[in-house]
């Protein structure tokens, strides 16, 4: 025995938390940032705009990654549940009587 045990409710709770936190993370920054201050020169303004757009894209990607991890946790939960259900059904087919 390796000491490894999957707790189904923990996987479900983690998946739900990741999905919730992904939405929270994505909501803290507007989809299209506006109101970038004027830096005094066109070159600086273009650079500042590019940096803000890059930060917004990185933010969206991080939010998507958090959401993706929630989906992976949900998939792990679903696969463990499916396997457990199938093994239970198989055990009942092999030995349908009471276990005394």
PDB file of N, CA and C in Angstrom:
ATOM      1  N   UNK A   1       0.852  -1.173   0.000  1.00  0.00           N
ATOM      2  CA  UNK A   1       0.000   0.000   0.000  1.00  0.00           C
ATOM      3  C   UNK A   1       0.894   1.230   0.000  1.00  0.00           C
ATOM      4  N   UNK A   2       0.631   2.131  -0.913  1.00  0.00           N
ATOM      5  CA  UNK A   2       1.494   3.304  -1.060  1.00  0.00           C
ATOM      6  C   UNK A   2       1.098   4.470  -0.167  1.00  0.00           C
ATOM      7  N   UNK A   3      -0.068   4.420   0.438  1.00  0.00           N
ATOM      8  CA  UNK A   3      -0.518   5.523   1.267  1.00  0.00           C
ATOM      9  C   UNK A   3      -1.211   6.615   0.474  1.00  0.00           C
ATOM     10  N   UNK A   4      -1.399   6.408  -0.819  1.00  0.00           N
ATOM     11  CA  UNK A   4      -2.071   7.376  -1.692  1.00  0.00           C
ATOM     12  C   UNK A   4      -3.559   7.117  -1.673  1.00  0.00           C
ATOM     13  N   UNK A   5      -4.335   8.146  -1.390  1.00  0.00           N
ATOM     14  CA  UNK A   5      -5.784   7.988  -1.364  1.00  0.00           C
ATOM     15  C   UNK A   5      -6.420   9.214  -2.001  1.00  0.00           C
ATOM     16  N   UNK A   6      -7.317   8.973  -2.902  1.00  0.00           N
ATOM     17  CA  UNK A   6      -8.040  10.062  -3.552  1.00  0.00           C
ATOM     18  C   UNK A   6      -9.334  10.285  -2.782  1.00  0.00           C
ATOM     19  N   UNK A   7      -9.545  11.513  -2.373  1.00  0.00           N
ATOM     20  CA  UNK A   7     -10.781  11.863  -1.692  1.00  0.00           C
ATOM     21  C   UNK A   7     -11.637  12.605  -2.711  1.00  0.00           C
ATOM     22  N   UNK A   8     -12.722  11.945  -3.111  1.00  0.00           N
ATOM     23  CA  UNK A   8     -13.545  12.467  -4.199  1.00  0.00           C
ATOM     24  C   UNK A   8     -14.085  13.864  -3.896  1.00  0.00           C
ATOM     25  N   UNK A   9     -14.550  14.088  -2.684  1.00  0.00           N
ATOM     26  CA  UNK A   9     -15.119  15.396  -2.356  1.00  0.00           C
ATOM     27  C   UNK A   9     -14.056  16.487  -2.419  1.00  0.00           C
ATOM     28  N   UNK A  10     -12.820  16.149  -2.081  1.00  0.00           N
ATOM     29  CA  UNK A  10     -11.742  17.142  -2.167  1.00  0.00           C
ATOM     30  C   UNK A  10     -11.473  17.532  -3.616  1.00  0.00           C
ATOM     31  N   UNK A  11     -11.469  16.554  -4.513  1.00  0.00           N
ATOM     32  CA  UNK A  11     -11.265  16.867  -5.933  1.00  0.00           C
ATOM     33  C   UNK A  11     -12.396  17.756  -6.450  1.00  0.00           C
ATOM     34  N   UNK A  12     -13.615  17.429  -6.073  1.00  0.00           N
ATOM     35  CA  UNK A  12     -14.765  18.220  -6.504  1.00  0.00           C
ATOM     36  C   UNK A  12     -14.683  19.639  -5.948  1.00  0.00           C
ATOM     37  N   UNK A  13     -14.324  19.764  -4.673  1.00  0.00           N
ATOM     38  CA  UNK A  13     -14.199  21.084  -4.043  1.00  0.00           C
ATOM     39  C   UNK A  13     -13.097  21.914  -4.693  1.00  0.00           C
ATOM     40  N   UNK A  14     -11.961  21.270  -4.985  1.00  0.00           N
ATOM     41  CA  UNK A  14     -10.854  21.998  -5.624  1.00  0.00           C
ATOM     42  C   UNK A  14     -11.245  22.470  -7.018  1.00  0.00           C
ATOM     43  N   UNK A  15     -11.912  21.622  -7.775  1.00  0.00           N
ATOM     44  CA  UNK A  15     -12.343  22.004  -9.123  1.00  0.00           C
ATOM     45  C   UNK A  15     -13.269  23.207  -9.055  1.00  0.00           C
ATOM     46  N   UNK A  16     -14.213  23.163  -8.133  1.00  0.00           N
ATOM     47  CA  UNK A  16     -15.159  24.272  -7.973  1.00  0.00           C
ATOM     48  C   UNK A  16     -14.440  25.550  -7.564  1.00  0.00           C
ATOM     49  N   UNK A  17     -13.498  25.435  -6.661  1.00  0.00           N
ATOM     50  CA  UNK A  17     -12.730  26.604  -6.213  1.00  0.00           C
ATOM     51  C   UNK A  17     -11.925  27.201  -7.355  1.00  0.00           C
ATOM     52  N   UNK A  18     -11.280  26.371  -8.138  1.00  0.00           N
ATOM     53  CA  UNK A  18     -10.498  26.877  -9.274  1.00  0.00           C
ATOM     54  C   UNK A  18     -11.397  27.605 -10.276  1.00  0.00           C
ATOM     55  N   UNK A  19     -12.574  27.049 -10.554  1.00  0.00           N
ATOM     56  CA  UNK A  19     -13.493  27.700 -11.492  1.00  0.00           C
ATOM     57  C   UNK A  19     -13.954  29.057 -10.943  1.00  0.00           C
ATOM     58  N   UNK A  20     -14.294  29.097  -9.670  1.00  0.00           N
ATOM     59  CA  UNK A  20     -14.742  30.344  -9.039  1.00  0.00           C
ATOM     60  C   UNK A  20     -13.630  31.384  -9.032  1.00  0.00           C
ATOM     61  N   UNK A  21     -12.444  30.973  -8.656  1.00  0.00           N
ATOM     62  CA  UNK A  21     -11.326  31.921  -8.567  1.00  0.00           C
ATOM     63  C   UNK A  21     -10.874  32.394  -9.951  1.00  0.00           C
ATOM     64  N   UNK A  22     -11.026  31.564 -10.950  1.00  0.00           N
ATOM     65  CA  UNK A  22     -10.700  31.989 -12.320  1.00  0.00           C
ATOM     66  C   UNK A  22     -11.620  33.129 -12.737  1.00  0.00           C
ATOM     67  N   UNK A  23     -12.906  32.992 -12.428  1.00  0.00           N
ATOM     68  CA  UNK A  23     -13.857  34.057 -12.756  1.00  0.00           C
ATOM     69  C   UNK A  23     -13.533  35.328 -11.977  1.00  0.00           C
ATOM     70  N   UNK A  24     -13.192  35.182 -10.706  1.00  0.00           N
ATOM     71  CA  UNK A  24     -12.835  36.337  -9.886  1.00  0.00           C
ATOM     72  C   UNK A  24     -11.593  37.016 -10.446  1.00  0.00           C
ATOM     73  N   UNK A  25     -10.596  36.224 -10.794  1.00  0.00           N
ATOM     74  CA  UNK A  25      -9.344  36.774 -11.330  1.00  0.00           C
ATOM     75  C   UNK A  25      -9.596  37.507 -12.640  1.00  0.00           C
ATOM     76  N   UNK A  26     -10.389  36.917 -13.513  1.00  0.00           N
ATOM     77  CA  UNK A  26     -10.653  37.547 -14.802  1.00  0.00           C
ATOM     78  C   UNK A  26     -11.451  38.836 -14.646  1.00  0.00           C
ATOM     79  N   UNK A  27     -12.268  38.923 -13.608  1.00  0.00           N
ATOM     80  CA  UNK A  27     -13.129  40.095 -13.415  1.00  0.00           C
ATOM     81  C   UNK A  27     -12.390  41.300 -12.838  1.00  0.00           C
ATOM     82  N   UNK A  28     -11.193  41.108 -12.294  1.00  0.00           N
ATOM     83  CA  UNK A  28     -10.516  42.234 -11.643  1.00  0.00           C
ATOM     84  C   UNK A  28      -9.855  43.188 -12.627  1.00  0.00           C
ATOM     85  N   UNK A  29      -9.798  42.809 -13.879  1.00  0.00           N
ATOM     86  CA  UNK A  29      -9.185  43.664 -14.890  1.00  0.00           C
ATOM     87  C   UNK A  29     -10.119  43.767 -16.084  1.00  0.00           C
ATOM     88  N   UNK A  30     -10.343  44.973 -16.583  1.00  0.00           N
ATOM     89  CA  UNK A  30     -11.242  45.113 -17.735  1.00  0.00           C
ATOM     90  C   UNK A  30     -10.697  44.377 -18.963  1.00  0.00           C
ATOM     91  N   UNK A  31     -11.623  43.907 -19.806  1.00  0.00           N
ATOM     92  CA  UNK A  31     -11.228  43.182 -21.014  1.00  0.00           C
ATOM     93  C   UNK A  31     -10.388  44.048 -21.945  1.00  0.00           C
ATOM     94  N   UNK A  32     -10.757  45.306 -22.081  1.00  0.00           N
ATOM     95  CA  UNK A  32      -9.971  46.215 -22.932  1.00  0.00           C
ATOM     96  C   UNK A  32      -9.634  47.458 -22.109  1.00  0.00           C
ATOM     97  N   UNK A  33      -8.410  47.513 -21.603  1.00  0.00           N
ATOM     98  CA  UNK A  33      -8.031  48.645 -20.761  1.00  0.00           C
ATOM     99  C   UNK A  33      -8.090  49.951 -21.552  1.00  0.00           C
ATOM    100  N   UNK A  34      -8.587  50.971 -20.915  1.00  0.00           N
ATOM    101  CA  UNK A  34      -8.676  52.278 -21.554  1.00  0.00           C
ATOM    102  C   UNK A  34      -8.131  53.334 -20.625  1.00  0.00           C
ATOM    103  N   UNK A  35      -8.135  54.552 -21.098  1.00  0.00           N
ATOM    104  CA  UNK A  35      -7.683  55.646 -20.251  1.00  0.00           C
ATOM    105  C   UNK A  35      -6.196  55.651 -19.981  1.00  0.00           C
ATOM    106  N   UNK A  36      -5.414  55.228 -20.948  1.00  0.00           N
ATOM    107  CA  UNK A  36      -3.964  55.230 -20.762  1.00  0.00           C
ATOM    108  C   UNK A  36      -3.485  56.680 -20.786  1.00  0.00           C
ATOM    109  N   UNK A  37      -2.705  57.090 -19.786  1.00  0.00           N
ATOM    110  CA  UNK A  37      -2.270  58.492 -19.724  1.00  0.00           C
ATOM    111  C   UNK A  37      -1.344  58.866 -20.882  1.00  0.00           C
ATOM    112  N   UNK A  38      -1.352  60.138 -21.177  1.00  0.00           N
ATOM    113  CA  UNK A  38      -0.493  60.669 -22.240  1.00  0.00           C
ATOM    114  C   UNK A  38       0.893  60.902 -21.662  1.00  0.00           C
ATOM    115  N   UNK A  39       1.870  60.297 -22.280  1.00  0.00           N
ATOM    116  CA  UNK A  39       3.246  60.415 -21.800  1.00  0.00           C
ATOM    117  C   UNK A  39       4.007  61.585 -22.389  1.00  0.00           C
ATOM    118  N   UNK A  40       3.419  62.303 -23.299  1.00  0.00           N
ATOM    119  CA  UNK A  40       4.076  63.480 -23.837  1.00  0.00           C
ATOM    120  C   UNK A  40       4.680  63.284 -25.211  1.00  0.00           C
ATOM    121  N   UNK A  41       4.886  62.049 -25.608  1.00  0.00           N
ATOM    122  CA  UNK A  41       5.423  61.823 -26.951  1.00  0.00           C
ATOM    123  C   UNK A  41       4.716  60.621 -27.565  1.00  0.00           C
ATOM    124  N   UNK A  42       4.607  60.628 -28.869  1.00  0.00           N
ATOM    125  CA  UNK A  42       3.913  59.558 -29.581  1.00  0.00           C
ATOM    126  C   UNK A  42       4.618  58.213 -29.381  1.00  0.00           C
ATOM    127  N   UNK A  43       5.948  58.221 -29.397  1.00  0.00           N
ATOM    128  CA  UNK A  43       6.700  56.976 -29.238  1.00  0.00           C
ATOM    129  C   UNK A  43       6.462  56.374 -27.852  1.00  0.00           C
ATOM    130  N   UNK A  44       6.511  57.237 -26.835  1.00  0.00           N
ATOM    131  CA  UNK A  44       6.278  56.742 -25.478  1.00  0.00           C
ATOM    132  C   UNK A  44       4.849  56.235 -25.324  1.00  0.00           C
ATOM    133  N   UNK A  45       3.886  56.961 -25.882  1.00  0.00           N
ATOM    134  CA  UNK A  45       2.489  56.548 -25.805  1.00  0.00           C
ATOM    135  C   UNK A  45       2.273  55.190 -26.470  1.00  0.00           C
ATOM    136  N   UNK A  46       2.902  54.964 -27.612  1.00  0.00           N
ATOM    137  CA  UNK A  46       2.793  53.675 -28.301  1.00  0.00           C
ATOM    138  C   UNK A  46       3.397  52.557 -27.456  1.00  0.00           C
ATOM    139  N   UNK A  47       4.547  52.835 -26.851  1.00  0.00           N
ATOM    140  CA  UNK A  47       5.196  51.832 -26.002  1.00  0.00           C
ATOM    141  C   UNK A  47       4.344  51.529 -24.773  1.00  0.00           C
ATOM    142  N   UNK A  48       3.797  52.569 -24.163  1.00  0.00           N
ATOM    143  CA  UNK A  48       2.955  52.395 -22.988  1.00  0.00           C
ATOM    144  C   UNK A  48       1.697  51.603 -23.350  1.00  0.00           C
ATOM    145  N   UNK A  49       1.093  51.930 -24.467  1.00  0.00           N
ATOM    146  CA  UNK A  49      -0.092  51.211 -24.923  1.00  0.00           C
ATOM    147  C   UNK A  49       0.231  49.737 -25.177  1.00  0.00           C
ATOM    148  N   UNK A  50       1.354  49.466 -25.801  1.00  0.00           N
ATOM    149  CA  UNK A  50       1.753  48.077 -26.068  1.00  0.00           C
ATOM    150  C   UNK A  50       1.984  47.315 -24.764  1.00  0.00           C
ATOM    151  N   UNK A  51       2.603  47.977 -23.788  1.00  0.00           N
ATOM    152  CA  UNK A  51       2.858  47.323 -22.499  1.00  0.00           C
ATOM    153  C   UNK A  51       1.544  47.013 -21.774  1.00  0.00           C
ATOM    154  N   UNK A  52       0.602  47.943 -21.805  1.00  0.00           N
ATOM    155  CA  UNK A  52      -0.692  47.722 -21.156  1.00  0.00           C
ATOM    156  C   UNK A  52      -1.452  46.602 -21.862  1.00  0.00           C
ATOM    157  N   UNK A  53      -1.434  46.588 -23.176  1.00  0.00           N
ATOM    158  CA  UNK A  53      -2.105  45.522 -23.928  1.00  0.00           C
ATOM    159  C   UNK A  53      -1.476  44.164 -23.615  1.00  0.00           C
ATOM    160  N   UNK A  54      -0.154  44.124 -23.502  1.00  0.00           N
ATOM    161  CA  UNK A  54       0.541  42.879 -23.176  1.00  0.00           C
ATOM    162  C   UNK A  54       0.159  42.407 -21.774  1.00  0.00           C
ATOM    163  N   UNK A  55       0.086  43.334 -20.835  1.00  0.00           N
ATOM    164  CA  UNK A  55      -0.321  42.967 -19.475  1.00  0.00           C
ATOM    165  C   UNK A  55      -1.757  42.432 -19.471  1.00  0.00           C
ATOM    166  N   UNK A  56      -2.631  43.043 -20.250  1.00  0.00           N
ATOM    167  CA  UNK A  56      -4.024  42.579 -20.332  1.00  0.00           C
ATOM    168  C   UNK A  56      -4.093  41.179 -20.933  1.00  0.00           C
ATOM    169  N   UNK A  57      -3.306  40.924 -21.969  1.00  0.00           N
ATOM    170  CA  UNK A  57      -3.288  39.589 -22.574  1.00  0.00           C
ATOM    171  C   UNK A  57      -2.737  38.546 -21.607  1.00  0.00           C
ATOM    172  N   UNK A  58      -1.685  38.911 -20.878  1.00  0.00           N
ATOM    173  CA  UNK A  58      -1.117  37.985 -19.893  1.00  0.00           C
ATOM    174  C   UNK A  58      -2.146  37.677 -18.805  1.00  0.00           C
ATOM    175  N   UNK A  59      -2.874  38.706 -18.394  1.00  0.00           N
ATOM    176  CA  UNK A  59      -3.910  38.523 -17.379  1.00  0.00           C
ATOM    177  C   UNK A  59      -4.986  37.547 -17.865  1.00  0.00           C
ATOM    178  N   UNK A  60      -5.424  37.719 -19.097  1.00  0.00           N
ATOM    179  CA  UNK A  60      -6.430  36.813 -19.664  1.00  0.00           C
ATOM    180  C   UNK A  60      -5.907  35.383 -19.745  1.00  0.00           C
ATOM    181  N   UNK A  61      -4.642  35.238 -20.110  1.00  0.00           N
ATOM    182  CA  UNK A  61      -4.056  33.899 -20.222  1.00  0.00           C
ATOM    183  C   UNK A  61      -3.957  33.225 -18.856  1.00  0.00           C
ATOM    184  N   UNK A  62      -3.563  33.988 -17.848  1.00  0.00           N
ATOM    185  CA  UNK A  62      -3.478  33.419 -16.498  1.00  0.00           C
ATOM    186  C   UNK A  62      -4.864  32.977 -16.031  1.00  0.00           C
ATOM    187  N   UNK A  63      -5.872  33.804 -16.269  1.00  0.00           N
ATOM    188  CA  UNK A  63      -7.238  33.429 -15.911  1.00  0.00           C
ATOM    189  C   UNK A  63      -7.686  32.163 -16.627  1.00  0.00           C
ATOM    190  N   UNK A  64      -7.341  32.057 -17.892  1.00  0.00           N
ATOM    191  CA  UNK A  64      -7.689  30.858 -18.662  1.00  0.00           C
ATOM    192  C   UNK A  64      -6.948  29.633 -18.124  1.00  0.00           C
ATOM    193  N   UNK A  65      -5.711  29.815 -17.705  1.00  0.00           N
ATOM    194  CA  UNK A  65      -4.949  28.698 -17.135  1.00  0.00           C
ATOM    195  C   UNK A  65      -5.558  28.225 -15.814  1.00  0.00           C
ATOM    196  N   UNK A  66      -5.995  29.162 -14.983  1.00  0.00           N
ATOM    197  CA  UNK A  66      -6.649  28.787 -13.729  1.00  0.00           C
ATOM    198  C   UNK A  66      -7.921  27.996 -14.036  1.00  0.00           C
ATOM    199  N   UNK A  67      -8.699  28.492 -14.983  1.00  0.00           N
ATOM    200  CA  UNK A  67      -9.926  27.797 -15.400  1.00  0.00           C
ATOM    201  C   UNK A  67      -9.600  26.398 -15.937  1.00  0.00           C
ATOM    202  N   UNK A  68      -8.540  26.303 -16.732  1.00  0.00           N
ATOM    203  CA  UNK A  68      -8.123  25.014 -17.282  1.00  0.00           C
ATOM    204  C   UNK A  68      -7.732  24.024 -16.201  1.00  0.00           C
ATOM    205  N   UNK A  69      -7.069  24.511 -15.161  1.00  0.00           N
ATOM    206  CA  UNK A  69      -6.709  23.621 -14.054  1.00  0.00           C
ATOM    207  C   UNK A  69      -7.955  23.135 -13.321  1.00  0.00           C
ATOM    208  N   UNK A  70      -8.962  24.000 -13.207  1.00  0.00           N
ATOM    209  CA  UNK A  70     -10.229  23.571 -12.618  1.00  0.00           C
ATOM    210  C   UNK A  70     -10.881  22.479 -13.447  1.00  0.00           C
ATOM    211  N   UNK A  71     -10.814  22.626 -14.756  1.00  0.00           N
ATOM    212  CA  UNK A  71     -11.380  21.604 -15.645  1.00  0.00           C
ATOM    213  C   UNK A  71     -10.620  20.287 -15.524  1.00  0.00           C
ATOM    214  N   UNK A  72      -9.309  20.359 -15.391  1.00  0.00           N
ATOM    215  CA  UNK A  72      -8.520  19.125 -15.222  1.00  0.00           C
ATOM    216  C   UNK A  72      -8.860  18.429 -13.913  1.00  0.00           C
ATOM    217  N   UNK A  73      -9.049  19.214 -12.854  1.00  0.00           N
ATOM    218  CA  UNK A  73      -9.450  18.620 -11.576  1.00  0.00           C
ATOM    219  C   UNK A  73     -10.830  17.973 -11.681  1.00  0.00           C
ATOM    220  N   UNK A  74     -11.741  18.625 -12.380  1.00  0.00           N
ATOM    221  CA  UNK A  74     -13.079  18.061 -12.569  1.00  0.00           C
ATOM    222  C   UNK A  74     -13.012  16.759 -13.367  1.00  0.00           C
ATOM    223  N   UNK A  75     -12.162  16.740 -14.398  1.00  0.00           N
ATOM    224  CA  UNK A  75     -11.977  15.523 -15.192  1.00  0.00           C
ATOM    225  C   UNK A  75     -11.407  14.400 -14.339  1.00  0.00           C
ATOM    226  N   UNK A  76     -10.428  14.724 -13.490  1.00  0.00           N
ATOM    227  CA  UNK A  76      -9.859  13.708 -12.596  1.00  0.00           C
ATOM    228  C   UNK A  76     -10.944  13.156 -11.671  1.00  0.00           C
ATOM    229  N   UNK A  77     -11.740  14.040 -11.109  1.00  0.00           N
ATOM    230  CA  UNK A  77     -12.844  13.599 -10.245  1.00  0.00           C
ATOM    231  C   UNK A  77     -13.784  12.664 -10.997  1.00  0.00           C
ATOM    232  N   UNK A  78     -14.191  13.095 -12.185  1.00  0.00           N
ATOM    233  CA  UNK A  78     -15.146  12.309 -12.966  1.00  0.00           C
ATOM    234  C   UNK A  78     -14.584  10.939 -13.334  1.00  0.00           C
ATOM    235  N   UNK A  79     -13.304  10.884 -13.668  1.00  0.00           N
ATOM    236  CA  UNK A  79     -12.687   9.591 -14.035  1.00  0.00           C
ATOM    237  C   UNK A  79     -12.573   8.667 -12.822  1.00  0.00           C
ATOM    238  N   UNK A  80     -12.165   9.227 -11.684  1.00  0.00           N
ATOM    239  CA  UNK A  80     -12.106   8.404 -10.471  1.00  0.00           C
ATOM    240  C   UNK A  80     -13.494   7.889 -10.103  1.00  0.00           C
ATOM    241  N   UNK A  81     -14.503   8.755 -10.218  1.00  0.00           N
ATOM    242  CA  UNK A  81     -15.873   8.348  -9.886  1.00  0.00           C
ATOM    243  C   UNK A  81     -16.356   7.244 -10.824  1.00  0.00           C
ATOM    244  N   UNK A  82     -16.087   7.404 -12.110  1.00  0.00           N
ATOM    245  CA  UNK A  82     -16.485   6.404 -13.107  1.00  0.00           C
ATOM    246  C   UNK A  82     -15.808   5.062 -12.811  1.00  0.00           C
ATOM    247  N   UNK A  83     -14.517   5.109 -12.514  1.00  0.00           N
ATOM    248  CA  UNK A  83     -13.779   3.883 -12.219  1.00  0.00           C
ATOM    249  C   UNK A  83     -14.299   3.223 -10.960  1.00  0.00           C
ATOM    250  N   UNK A  84     -14.555   4.028  -9.941  1.00  0.00           N
ATOM    251  CA  UNK A  84     -15.076   3.479  -8.692  1.00  0.00           C
ATOM    252  C   UNK A  84     -16.436   2.829  -8.906  1.00  0.00           C
ATOM    253  N   UNK A  85     -17.297   3.490  -9.666  1.00  0.00           N
ATOM    254  CA  UNK A  85     -18.620   2.920  -9.956  1.00  0.00           C
ATOM    255  C   UNK A  85     -18.498   1.606 -10.720  1.00  0.00           C
ATOM    256  N   UNK A  86     -17.611   1.561 -11.712  1.00  0.00           N
ATOM    257  CA  UNK A  86     -17.434   0.339 -12.496  1.00  0.00           C
ATOM    258  C   UNK A  86     -16.846  -0.793 -11.663  1.00  0.00           C
ATOM    259  N   UNK A  87     -15.899  -0.477 -10.799  1.00  0.00           N
ATOM    260  CA  UNK A  87     -15.308  -1.519  -9.951  1.00  0.00           C
ATOM    261  C   UNK A  87     -16.324  -2.044  -8.945  1.00  0.00           C
ATOM    262  N   UNK A  88     -17.165  -1.179  -8.438  1.00  0.00           N
ATOM    263  CA  UNK A  88     -18.215  -1.608  -7.513  1.00  0.00           C
ATOM    264  C   UNK A  88     -19.195  -2.539  -8.225  1.00  0.00           C
ATOM    265  N   UNK A  89     -19.604  -2.157  -9.433  1.00  0.00           N
ATOM    266  CA  UNK A  89     -20.515  -2.994 -10.206  1.00  0.00           C
ATOM    267  C   UNK A  89     -19.880  -4.339 -10.530  1.00  0.00           C
ATOM    268  N   UNK A  90     -18.610  -4.338 -10.884  1.00  0.00           N
ATOM    269  CA  UNK A  90     -17.902  -5.580 -11.190  1.00  0.00           C
ATOM    270  C   UNK A  90     -17.818  -6.473  -9.958  1.00  0.00           C
ATOM    271  N   UNK A  91     -17.503  -5.886  -8.819  1.00  0.00           N
ATOM    272  CA  UNK A  91     -17.406  -6.670  -7.588  1.00  0.00           C
ATOM    273  C   UNK A  91     -18.756  -7.280  -7.233  1.00  0.00           C
ATOM    274  N   UNK A  92     -19.840  -6.564  -7.478  1.00  0.00           N
ATOM    275  CA  UNK A  92     -21.169  -7.105  -7.196  1.00  0.00           C
ATOM    276  C   UNK A  92     -21.543  -8.222  -8.162  1.00  0.00           C
ATOM    277  N   UNK A  93     -21.062  -8.146  -9.397  1.00  0.00           N
ATOM    278  CA  UNK A  93     -21.333  -9.202 -10.371  1.00  0.00           C
ATOM    279  C   UNK A  93     -20.551 -10.466 -10.042  1.00  0.00           C
ATOM    280  N   UNK A  94     -19.326 -10.292  -9.577  1.00  0.00           N
ATOM    281  CA  UNK A  94     -18.482 -11.437  -9.250  1.00  0.00           C
ATOM    282  C   UNK A  94     -18.979 -12.132  -7.985  1.00  0.00           C
ATOM    283  N   UNK A  95     -19.416 -11.364  -7.027  1.00  0.00           N
ATOM    284  CA  UNK A  95     -19.870 -11.923  -5.742  1.00  0.00           C
ATOM    285  C   UNK A  95     -21.175 -11.221  -5.342  1.00  0.00           C
ATOM    286  N   UNK A  96     -22.302 -11.664  -5.900  1.00  0.00           N
ATOM    287  CA  UNK A  96     -23.565 -10.984  -5.622  1.00  0.00           C
ATOM    288  C   UNK A  96     -24.117 -11.214  -4.227  1.00  0.00           C
ATOM    289  N   UNK A  97     -23.600 -12.181  -3.503  1.00  0.00           N
ATOM    290  CA  UNK A  97     -24.114 -12.494  -2.172  1.00  0.00           C
ATOM    291  C   UNK A  97     -23.510 -11.601  -1.103  1.00  0.00           C
ATOM    292  N   UNK A  98     -24.014 -11.718   0.108  1.00  0.00           N
ATOM    293  CA  UNK A  98     -23.483 -10.906   1.215  1.00  0.00           C
ATOM    294  C   UNK A  98     -22.056 -11.346   1.554  1.00  0.00           C
ATOM    295  N   UNK A  99     -21.274 -10.390   1.989  1.00  0.00           N
ATOM    296  CA  UNK A  99     -19.893 -10.670   2.375  1.00  0.00           C
ATOM    297  C   UNK A  99     -19.855 -10.979   3.866  1.00  0.00           C
ATOM    298  N   UNK A 100     -19.859 -12.273   4.193  1.00  0.00           N
ATOM    299  CA  UNK A 100     -19.823 -12.689   5.606  1.00  0.00           C
ATOM    300  C   UNK A 100     -18.487 -13.262   5.938  1.00  0.00           C
TER     301      UNK A 100
END
